[in-house]
Amino acid sequence: MTPQDWNASYARALTMALSGDTGDHTRPDDPFLLMINAWWEPLAFGVPDSLRDMGWQVEIDTASPKDSGRTVNPAATVTLTGRSLVLLRSPKPEA
């Protein structure tokens, strides 16, 4: 994003992917996807195309804590209520 993007008065949503790459191939972490809605109305978010082949589950949903552990369809939109965040995790298969 450019400084202009960050300073746009209407920009109130963000999706950020964390790869899980720790720099140590013997101790990888799970990938995470953080979705933040700072707007007061609900907004629809999507899992980026490049991450849709991964399985995702809700780790944190500030608007609905009981949804923790729920599986998310990566091809569908994820609707966040106003002023909330959702943290998704793609668990690595057990070795």
PDB file of N, CA and C in Angstrom:
ATOM      1  N   MET A   1       0.837  -1.182   0.000  1.00  0.00           N
ATOM      2  CA  MET A   1       0.000   0.000   0.000  1.00  0.00           C
ATOM      3  C   MET A   1       0.881   1.244   0.000  1.00  0.00           C
ATOM      4  N   THR A   2       0.375   2.239  -0.608  1.00  0.00           N
ATOM      5  CA  THR A   2       1.099   3.504  -0.661  1.00  0.00           C
ATOM      6  C   THR A   2       0.704   4.370   0.539  1.00  0.00           C
ATOM      7  N   PRO A   3       1.476   5.411   0.844  1.00  0.00           N
ATOM      8  CA  PRO A   3       1.064   6.340   1.906  1.00  0.00           C
ATOM      9  C   PRO A   3      -0.320   6.943   1.636  1.00  0.00           C
ATOM     10  N   GLN A   4      -0.630   7.180   0.373  1.00  0.00           N
ATOM     11  CA  GLN A   4      -1.960   7.700   0.033  1.00  0.00           C
ATOM     12  C   GLN A   4      -3.053   6.705   0.411  1.00  0.00           C
ATOM     13  N   ASP A   5      -2.794   5.401   0.189  1.00  0.00           N
ATOM     14  CA  ASP A   5      -3.764   4.376   0.575  1.00  0.00           C
ATOM     15  C   ASP A   5      -3.986   4.383   2.083  1.00  0.00           C
ATOM     16  N   TRP A   6      -2.904   4.451   2.844  1.00  0.00           N
ATOM     17  CA  TRP A   6      -3.008   4.429   4.304  1.00  0.00           C
ATOM     18  C   TRP A   6      -3.744   5.655   4.838  1.00  0.00           C
ATOM     19  N   ASN A   7      -3.627   6.775   4.154  1.00  0.00           N
ATOM     20  CA  ASN A   7      -4.218   8.025   4.631  1.00  0.00           C
ATOM     21  C   ASN A   7      -5.592   8.330   4.054  1.00  0.00           C
ATOM     22  N   ALA A   8      -6.119   7.446   3.222  1.00  0.00           N
ATOM     23  CA  ALA A   8      -7.443   7.670   2.640  1.00  0.00           C
ATOM     24  C   ALA A   8      -8.493   7.628   3.749  1.00  0.00           C
ATOM     25  N   SER A   9      -9.327   8.654   3.812  1.00  0.00           N
ATOM     26  CA  SER A   9     -10.313   8.750   4.900  1.00  0.00           C
ATOM     27  C   SER A   9     -11.328   7.628   4.873  1.00  0.00           C
ATOM     28  N   TYR A  10     -11.571   7.040   3.729  1.00  0.00           N
ATOM     29  CA  TYR A  10     -12.560   5.963   3.611  1.00  0.00           C
ATOM     30  C   TYR A  10     -11.962   4.571   3.845  1.00  0.00           C
ATOM     31  N   ALA A  11     -10.652   4.471   3.981  1.00  0.00           N
ATOM     32  CA  ALA A  11      -9.995   3.170   4.151  1.00  0.00           C
ATOM     33  C   ALA A  11     -10.125   2.715   5.593  1.00  0.00           C
ATOM     34  N   ARG A  12     -11.015   1.788   5.811  1.00  0.00           N
ATOM     35  CA  ARG A  12     -11.294   1.309   7.172  1.00  0.00           C
ATOM     36  C   ARG A  12     -11.289  -0.209   7.268  1.00  0.00           C
ATOM     37  N   ALA A  13     -10.605  -0.870   6.336  1.00  0.00           N
ATOM     38  CA  ALA A  13     -10.557  -2.327   6.343  1.00  0.00           C
ATOM     39  C   ALA A  13      -9.173  -2.795   5.909  1.00  0.00           C
ATOM     40  N   LEU A  14      -8.770  -3.940   6.445  1.00  0.00           N
ATOM     41  CA  LEU A  14      -7.442  -4.460   6.149  1.00  0.00           C
ATOM     42  C   LEU A  14      -7.459  -5.974   6.270  1.00  0.00           C
ATOM     43  N   THR A  15      -6.812  -6.638   5.332  1.00  0.00           N
ATOM     44  CA  THR A  15      -6.543  -8.068   5.428  1.00  0.00           C
ATOM     45  C   THR A  15      -5.037  -8.235   5.358  1.00  0.00           C
ATOM     46  N   MET A  16      -4.487  -9.004   6.287  1.00  0.00           N
ATOM     47  CA  MET A  16      -3.042  -9.216   6.328  1.00  0.00           C
ATOM     48  C   MET A  16      -2.772 -10.704   6.489  1.00  0.00           C
ATOM     49  N   ALA A  17      -1.910 -11.239   5.636  1.00  0.00           N
ATOM     50  CA  ALA A  17      -1.528 -12.648   5.697  1.00  0.00           C
ATOM     51  C   ALA A  17      -0.158 -12.778   6.355  1.00  0.00           C
ATOM     52  N   LEU A  18      -0.043 -13.715   7.272  1.00  0.00           N
ATOM     53  CA  LEU A  18       1.229 -14.055   7.919  1.00  0.00           C
ATOM     54  C   LEU A  18       1.559 -15.477   7.487  1.00  0.00           C
ATOM     55  N   SER A  19       2.686 -15.649   6.840  1.00  0.00           N
ATOM     56  CA  SER A  19       3.010 -16.905   6.156  1.00  0.00           C
ATOM     57  C   SER A  19       3.265 -18.091   7.077  1.00  0.00           C
ATOM     58  N   GLY A  20       3.701 -17.854   8.277  1.00  0.00           N
ATOM     59  CA  GLY A  20       4.095 -18.956   9.144  1.00  0.00           C
ATOM     60  C   GLY A  20       5.562 -19.319   8.989  1.00  0.00           C
ATOM     61  N   ASP A  21       6.262 -18.652   8.087  1.00  0.00           N
ATOM     62  CA  ASP A  21       7.685 -18.895   7.881  1.00  0.00           C
ATOM     63  C   ASP A  21       8.459 -18.240   9.020  1.00  0.00           C
ATOM     64  N   THR A  22       9.089 -19.049   9.837  1.00  0.00           N
ATOM     65  CA  THR A  22       9.819 -18.542  10.996  1.00  0.00           C
ATOM     66  C   THR A  22      11.292 -18.284  10.706  1.00  0.00           C
ATOM     67  N   GLY A  23      11.740 -18.682   9.518  1.00  0.00           N
ATOM     68  CA  GLY A  23      13.161 -18.570   9.205  1.00  0.00           C
ATOM     69  C   GLY A  23      13.936 -19.802   9.638  1.00  0.00           C
ATOM     70  N   ASP A  24      13.272 -20.703  10.344  1.00  0.00           N
ATOM     71  CA  ASP A  24      13.880 -21.960  10.794  1.00  0.00           C
ATOM     72  C   ASP A  24      13.019 -23.091  10.254  1.00  0.00           C
ATOM     73  N   HIS A  25      13.490 -23.768   9.202  1.00  0.00           N
ATOM     74  CA  HIS A  25      12.681 -24.798   8.548  1.00  0.00           C
ATOM     75  C   HIS A  25      12.313 -25.962   9.467  1.00  0.00           C
ATOM     76  N   THR A  26      12.999 -26.110  10.594  1.00  0.00           N
ATOM     77  CA  THR A  26      12.665 -27.192  11.526  1.00  0.00           C
ATOM     78  C   THR A  26      11.547 -26.802  12.486  1.00  0.00           C
ATOM     79  N   ARG A  27      11.187 -25.496  12.513  1.00  0.00           N
ATOM     80  CA  ARG A  27      10.149 -25.027  13.431  1.00  0.00           C
ATOM     81  C   ARG A  27       9.174 -24.065  12.738  1.00  0.00           C
ATOM     82  N   PRO A  28       8.474 -24.553  11.694  1.00  0.00           N
ATOM     83  CA  PRO A  28       7.532 -23.664  11.020  1.00  0.00           C
ATOM     84  C   PRO A  28       6.311 -23.397  11.903  1.00  0.00           C
ATOM     85  N   ASP A  29       5.646 -22.314  11.634  1.00  0.00           N
ATOM     86  CA  ASP A  29       4.414 -21.960  12.335  1.00  0.00           C
ATOM     87  C   ASP A  29       3.260 -22.070  11.343  1.00  0.00           C
ATOM     88  N   ASP A  30       2.034 -22.064  11.852  1.00  0.00           N
ATOM     89  CA  ASP A  30       0.863 -22.082  10.989  1.00  0.00           C
ATOM     90  C   ASP A  30       0.688 -20.713  10.340  1.00  0.00           C
ATOM     91  N   PRO A  31       0.193 -20.683   9.114  1.00  0.00           N
ATOM     92  CA  PRO A  31      -0.151 -19.405   8.488  1.00  0.00           C
ATOM     93  C   PRO A  31      -1.402 -18.809   9.149  1.00  0.00           C
ATOM     94  N   PHE A  32      -1.471 -17.494   9.193  1.00  0.00           N
ATOM     95  CA  PHE A  32      -2.619 -16.777   9.745  1.00  0.00           C
ATOM     96  C   PHE A  32      -3.092 -15.747   8.737  1.00  0.00           C
ATOM     97  N   LEU A  33      -4.379 -15.416   8.830  1.00  0.00           N
ATOM     98  CA  LEU A  33      -4.976 -14.378   8.002  1.00  0.00           C
ATOM     99  C   LEU A  33      -5.790 -13.494   8.938  1.00  0.00           C
ATOM    100  N   LEU A  34      -5.390 -12.230   9.042  1.00  0.00           N
ATOM    101  CA  LEU A  34      -6.041 -11.273   9.928  1.00  0.00           C
ATOM    102  C   LEU A  34      -6.911 -10.342   9.095  1.00  0.00           C
ATOM    103  N   MET A  35      -8.181 -10.245   9.462  1.00  0.00           N
ATOM    104  CA  MET A  35      -9.131  -9.372   8.781  1.00  0.00           C
ATOM    105  C   MET A  35      -9.656  -8.372   9.803  1.00  0.00           C
ATOM    106  N   ILE A  36      -9.533  -7.088   9.489  1.00  0.00           N
ATOM    107  CA  ILE A  36      -9.943  -6.029  10.416  1.00  0.00           C
ATOM    108  C   ILE A  36     -10.945  -5.109   9.725  1.00  0.00           C
ATOM    109  N   ASN A  37     -12.091  -4.905  10.373  1.00  0.00           N
ATOM    110  CA  ASN A  37     -13.101  -3.973   9.892  1.00  0.00           C
ATOM    111  C   ASN A  37     -13.218  -2.840  10.902  1.00  0.00           C
ATOM    112  N   ALA A  38     -12.651  -1.689  10.590  1.00  0.00           N
ATOM    113  CA  ALA A  38     -12.736  -0.514  11.466  1.00  0.00           C
ATOM    114  C   ALA A  38     -13.939   0.359  11.119  1.00  0.00           C
ATOM    115  N   TRP A  39     -14.681  -0.031  10.094  1.00  0.00           N
ATOM    116  CA  TRP A  39     -15.885   0.693   9.692  1.00  0.00           C
ATOM    117  C   TRP A  39     -17.006   0.343  10.650  1.00  0.00           C
ATOM    118  N   TRP A  40     -18.043   1.160  10.754  1.00  0.00           N
ATOM    119  CA  TRP A  40     -19.126   0.885  11.699  1.00  0.00           C
ATOM    120  C   TRP A  40     -20.188  -0.050  11.135  1.00  0.00           C
ATOM    121  N   GLU A  41     -20.137  -0.305   9.837  1.00  0.00           N
ATOM    122  CA  GLU A  41     -21.089  -1.210   9.211  1.00  0.00           C
ATOM    123  C   GLU A  41     -20.389  -2.515   8.831  1.00  0.00           C
ATOM    124  N   PRO A  42     -21.158  -3.599   8.641  1.00  0.00           N
ATOM    125  CA  PRO A  42     -20.545  -4.859   8.212  1.00  0.00           C
ATOM    126  C   PRO A  42     -19.862  -4.717   6.851  1.00  0.00           C
ATOM    127  N   LEU A  43     -18.774  -5.454   6.687  1.00  0.00           N
ATOM    128  CA  LEU A  43     -18.057  -5.502   5.416  1.00  0.00           C
ATOM    129  C   LEU A  43     -17.747  -6.951   5.075  1.00  0.00           C
ATOM    130  N   ALA A  44     -17.786  -7.263   3.790  1.00  0.00           N
ATOM    131  CA  ALA A  44     -17.450  -8.613   3.323  1.00  0.00           C
ATOM    132  C   ALA A  44     -15.971  -8.657   2.948  1.00  0.00           C
ATOM    133  N   PHE A  45     -15.292  -9.678   3.419  1.00  0.00           N
ATOM    134  CA  PHE A  45     -13.883  -9.910   3.129  1.00  0.00           C
ATOM    135  C   PHE A  45     -13.767 -11.228   2.372  1.00  0.00           C
ATOM    136  N   GLY A  46     -12.703 -11.368   1.622  1.00  0.00           N
ATOM    137  CA  GLY A  46     -12.438 -12.616   0.925  1.00  0.00           C
ATOM    138  C   GLY A  46     -11.048 -13.115   1.224  1.00  0.00           C
ATOM    139  N   VAL A  47     -10.904 -14.433   1.224  1.00  0.00           N
ATOM    140  CA  VAL A  47      -9.576 -15.029   1.337  1.00  0.00           C
ATOM    141  C   VAL A  47      -8.880 -14.777  -0.005  1.00  0.00           C
ATOM    142  N   PRO A  48      -7.662 -14.239   0.010  1.00  0.00           N
ATOM    143  CA  PRO A  48      -6.959 -13.984  -1.255  1.00  0.00           C
ATOM    144  C   PRO A  48      -6.870 -15.242  -2.113  1.00  0.00           C
ATOM    145  N   ASP A  49      -6.983 -15.058  -3.421  1.00  0.00           N
ATOM    146  CA  ASP A  49      -6.964 -16.194  -4.357  1.00  0.00           C
ATOM    147  C   ASP A  49      -5.786 -17.133  -4.113  1.00  0.00           C
ATOM    148  N   SER A  50      -4.628 -16.578  -3.842  1.00  0.00           N
ATOM    149  CA  SER A  50      -3.422 -17.396  -3.670  1.00  0.00           C
ATOM    150  C   SER A  50      -3.454 -18.247  -2.399  1.00  0.00           C
ATOM    151  N   LEU A  51      -4.405 -17.992  -1.502  1.00  0.00           N
ATOM    152  CA  LEU A  51      -4.492 -18.746  -0.239  1.00  0.00           C
ATOM    153  C   LEU A  51      -5.743 -19.611  -0.155  1.00  0.00           C
ATOM    154  N   ARG A  52      -6.489 -19.682  -1.231  1.00  0.00           N
ATOM    155  CA  ARG A  52      -7.763 -20.418  -1.193  1.00  0.00           C
ATOM    156  C   ARG A  52      -7.611 -21.932  -1.197  1.00  0.00           C
ATOM    157  N   ASP A  53      -6.443 -22.441  -1.547  1.00  0.00           N
ATOM    158  CA  ASP A  53      -6.260 -23.889  -1.543  1.00  0.00           C
ATOM    159  C   ASP A  53      -5.913 -24.418  -0.146  1.00  0.00           C
ATOM    160  N   MET A  54      -5.856 -23.534   0.831  1.00  0.00           N
ATOM    161  CA  MET A  54      -5.542 -23.919   2.214  1.00  0.00           C
ATOM    162  C   MET A  54      -6.836 -24.001   3.013  1.00  0.00           C
ATOM    163  N   GLY A  55      -6.862 -24.861   4.015  1.00  0.00           N
ATOM    164  CA  GLY A  55      -7.997 -24.932   4.919  1.00  0.00           C
ATOM    165  C   GLY A  55      -7.868 -23.861   5.993  1.00  0.00           C
ATOM    166  N   TRP A  56      -8.967 -23.162   6.299  1.00  0.00           N
ATOM    167  CA  TRP A  56      -8.928 -22.071   7.270  1.00  0.00           C
ATOM    168  C   TRP A  56      -9.969 -22.293   8.351  1.00  0.00           C
ATOM    169  N   GLN A  57      -9.585 -21.927   9.570  1.00  0.00           N
ATOM    170  CA  GLN A  57     -10.536 -21.978  10.678  1.00  0.00           C
ATOM    171  C   GLN A  57     -10.418 -20.714  11.508  1.00  0.00           C
ATOM    172  N   VAL A  58     -11.526 -20.357  12.159  1.00  0.00           N
ATOM    173  CA  VAL A  58     -11.567 -19.151  12.981  1.00  0.00           C
ATOM    174  C   VAL A  58     -10.821 -19.408  14.290  1.00  0.00           C
ATOM    175  N   GLU A  59      -9.863 -18.565  14.589  1.00  0.00           N
ATOM    176  CA  GLU A  59      -9.179 -18.597  15.885  1.00  0.00           C
ATOM    177  C   GLU A  59      -9.801 -17.555  16.813  1.00  0.00           C
ATOM    178  N   ILE A  60     -10.031 -16.360  16.283  1.00  0.00           N
ATOM    179  CA  ILE A  60     -10.622 -15.273  17.072  1.00  0.00           C
ATOM    180  C   ILE A  60     -11.641 -14.558  16.205  1.00  0.00           C
ATOM    181  N   ASP A  61     -12.808 -14.311  16.769  1.00  0.00           N
ATOM    182  CA  ASP A  61     -13.811 -13.445  16.149  1.00  0.00           C
ATOM    183  C   ASP A  61     -14.323 -12.556  17.267  1.00  0.00           C
ATOM    184  N   THR A  62     -13.942 -11.293  17.258  1.00  0.00           N
ATOM    185  CA  THR A  62     -14.295 -10.411  18.375  1.00  0.00           C
ATOM    186  C   THR A  62     -15.793 -10.159  18.464  1.00  0.00           C
ATOM    187  N   ALA A  63     -16.520 -10.346  17.375  1.00  0.00           N
ATOM    188  CA  ALA A  63     -17.972 -10.147  17.396  1.00  0.00           C
ATOM    189  C   ALA A  63     -18.715 -11.412  17.803  1.00  0.00           C
ATOM    190  N   SER A  64     -18.066 -12.564  17.694  1.00  0.00           N
ATOM    191  CA  SER A  64     -18.721 -13.840  17.996  1.00  0.00           C
ATOM    192  C   SER A  64     -17.690 -14.830  18.545  1.00  0.00           C
ATOM    193  N   PRO A  65     -17.295 -14.676  19.800  1.00  0.00           N
ATOM    194  CA  PRO A  65     -16.262 -15.543  20.372  1.00  0.00           C
ATOM    195  C   PRO A  65     -16.585 -17.039  20.295  1.00  0.00           C
ATOM    196  N   LYS A  66     -17.848 -17.389  20.256  1.00  0.00           N
ATOM    197  CA  LYS A  66     -18.220 -18.809  20.202  1.00  0.00           C
ATOM    198  C   LYS A  66     -17.859 -19.460  18.866  1.00  0.00           C
ATOM    199  N   ASP A  67     -17.531 -18.656  17.853  1.00  0.00           N
ATOM    200  CA  ASP A  67     -17.178 -19.190  16.535  1.00  0.00           C
ATOM    201  C   ASP A  67     -15.757 -19.724  16.461  1.00  0.00           C
ATOM    202  N   SER A  68     -14.998 -19.616  17.525  1.00  0.00           N
ATOM    203  CA  SER A  68     -13.629 -20.124  17.525  1.00  0.00           C
ATOM    204  C   SER A  68     -13.620 -21.606  17.149  1.00  0.00           C
ATOM    205  N   GLY A  69     -12.773 -21.961  16.186  1.00  0.00           N
ATOM    206  CA  GLY A  69     -12.663 -23.341  15.725  1.00  0.00           C
ATOM    207  C   GLY A  69     -13.526 -23.651  14.516  1.00  0.00           C
ATOM    208  N   ARG A  70     -14.434 -22.754  14.167  1.00  0.00           N
ATOM    209  CA  ARG A  70     -15.325 -22.972  13.015  1.00  0.00           C
ATOM    210  C   ARG A  70     -14.505 -22.946  11.724  1.00  0.00           C
ATOM    211  N   THR A  71     -14.788 -23.874  10.834  1.00  0.00           N
ATOM    212  CA  THR A  71     -14.131 -23.926   9.530  1.00  0.00           C
ATOM    213  C   THR A  71     -14.730 -22.874   8.613  1.00  0.00           C
ATOM    214  N   VAL A  72     -13.871 -22.260   7.809  1.00  0.00           N
ATOM    215  CA  VAL A  72     -14.289 -21.223   6.875  1.00  0.00           C
ATOM    216  C   VAL A  72     -14.104 -21.747   5.456  1.00  0.00           C
ATOM    217  N   ASN A  73     -15.112 -21.560   4.620  1.00  0.00           N
ATOM    218  CA  ASN A  73     -15.001 -21.893   3.204  1.00  0.00           C
ATOM    219  C   ASN A  73     -14.170 -20.794   2.548  1.00  0.00           C
ATOM    220  N   PRO A  74     -12.963 -21.098   2.064  1.00  0.00           N
ATOM    221  CA  PRO A  74     -12.097 -20.049   1.522  1.00  0.00           C
ATOM    222  C   PRO A  74     -12.614 -19.426   0.230  1.00  0.00           C
ATOM    223  N   ALA A  75     -13.578 -20.053  -0.434  1.00  0.00           N
ATOM    224  CA  ALA A  75     -14.139 -19.494  -1.666  1.00  0.00           C
ATOM    225  C   ALA A  75     -15.296 -18.536  -1.372  1.00  0.00           C
ATOM    226  N   ALA A  76     -15.803 -18.558  -0.154  1.00  0.00           N
ATOM    227  CA  ALA A  76     -16.923 -17.696   0.228  1.00  0.00           C
ATOM    228  C   ALA A  76     -16.407 -16.441   0.914  1.00  0.00           C
ATOM    229  N   THR A  77     -17.255 -15.436   1.010  1.00  0.00           N
ATOM    230  CA  THR A  77     -16.857 -14.228   1.724  1.00  0.00           C
ATOM    231  C   THR A  77     -17.039 -14.426   3.222  1.00  0.00           C
ATOM    232  N   VAL A  78     -16.262 -13.688   3.972  1.00  0.00           N
ATOM    233  CA  VAL A  78     -16.355 -13.664   5.430  1.00  0.00           C
ATOM    234  C   VAL A  78     -16.861 -12.262   5.780  1.00  0.00           C
ATOM    235  N   THR A  79     -18.044 -12.187   6.396  1.00  0.00           N
ATOM    236  CA  THR A  79     -18.605 -10.883   6.745  1.00  0.00           C
ATOM    237  C   THR A  79     -18.236 -10.538   8.178  1.00  0.00           C
ATOM    238  N   LEU A  80     -17.598  -9.400   8.334  1.00  0.00           N
ATOM    239  CA  LEU A  80     -17.231  -8.907   9.668  1.00  0.00           C
ATOM    240  C   LEU A  80     -18.206  -7.818  10.063  1.00  0.00           C
ATOM    241  N   THR A  81     -18.704  -7.884  11.285  1.00  0.00           N
ATOM    242  CA  THR A  81     -19.561  -6.819  11.782  1.00  0.00           C
ATOM    243  C   THR A  81     -18.717  -5.563  11.948  1.00  0.00           C
ATOM    244  N   GLY A  82     -19.384  -4.449  12.161  1.00  0.00           N
ATOM    245  CA  GLY A  82     -18.672  -3.197  12.332  1.00  0.00           C
ATOM    246  C   GLY A  82     -17.713  -3.240  13.508  1.00  0.00           C
ATOM    247  N   ARG A  83     -16.553  -2.657  13.299  1.00  0.00           N
ATOM    248  CA  ARG A  83     -15.517  -2.532  14.327  1.00  0.00           C
ATOM    249  C   ARG A  83     -15.189  -3.875  14.991  1.00  0.00           C
ATOM    250  N   SER A  84     -14.794  -4.808  14.169  1.00  0.00           N
ATOM    251  CA  SER A  84     -14.436  -6.134  14.677  1.00  0.00           C
ATOM    252  C   SER A  84     -13.240  -6.673  13.900  1.00  0.00           C
ATOM    253  N   LEU A  85     -12.714  -7.784  14.377  1.00  0.00           N
ATOM    254  CA  LEU A  85     -11.652  -8.465  13.654  1.00  0.00           C
ATOM    255  C   LEU A  85     -11.858  -9.959  13.734  1.00  0.00           C
ATOM    256  N   VAL A  86     -11.334 -10.631  12.725  1.00  0.00           N
ATOM    257  CA  VAL A  86     -11.341 -12.092  12.672  1.00  0.00           C
ATOM    258  C   VAL A  86      -9.916 -12.529  12.361  1.00  0.00           C
ATOM    259  N   LEU A  87      -9.444 -13.505  13.115  1.00  0.00           N
ATOM    260  CA  LEU A  87      -8.141 -14.105  12.864  1.00  0.00           C
ATOM    261  C   LEU A  87      -8.386 -15.541  12.422  1.00  0.00           C
ATOM    262  N   LEU A  88      -7.942 -15.867  11.206  1.00  0.00           N
ATOM    263  CA  LEU A  88      -8.058 -17.222  10.674  1.00  0.00           C
ATOM    264  C   LEU A  88      -6.694 -17.896  10.745  1.00  0.00           C
ATOM    265  N   ARG A  89      -6.732 -19.203  10.948  1.00  0.00           N
ATOM    266  CA  ARG A  89      -5.482 -20.001  10.977  1.00  0.00           C
ATOM    267  C   ARG A  89      -5.638 -21.165  10.040  1.00  0.00           C
ATOM    268  N   SER A  90      -4.567 -21.486   9.340  1.00  0.00           N
ATOM    269  CA  SER A  90      -4.539 -22.665   8.495  1.00  0.00           C
ATOM    270  C   SER A  90      -3.639 -23.691   9.168  1.00  0.00           C
ATOM    271  N   PRO A  91      -4.256 -24.618   9.933  1.00  0.00           N
ATOM    272  CA  PRO A  91      -3.444 -25.571  10.681  1.00  0.00           C
ATOM    273  C   PRO A  91      -2.638 -26.491   9.771  1.00  0.00           C
ATOM    274  N   LYS A  92      -1.392 -26.687  10.123  1.00  0.00           N
ATOM    275  CA  LYS A  92      -0.556 -27.622   9.395  1.00  0.00           C
ATOM    276  C   LYS A  92      -0.976 -29.044   9.761  1.00  0.00           C
ATOM    277  N   PRO A  93      -0.961 -29.950   8.786  1.00  0.00           N
ATOM    278  CA  PRO A  93      -1.313 -31.340   9.098  1.00  0.00           C
ATOM    279  C   PRO A  93      -0.324 -31.925  10.100  1.00  0.00           C
ATOM    280  N   GLU A  94      -0.851 -32.766  10.972  1.00  0.00           N
ATOM    281  CA  GLU A  94       0.018 -33.447  11.944  1.00  0.00           C
ATOM    282  C   GLU A  94       0.964 -34.381  11.221  1.00  0.00           C
ATOM    283  N   ALA A  95       2.216 -34.390  11.649  1.00  0.00           N
ATOM    284  CA  ALA A  95       3.228 -35.242  10.992  1.00  0.00           C
ATOM    285  C   ALA A  95       3.160 -36.651  11.508  1.00  0.00           C
TER     286      ALA A  95
END
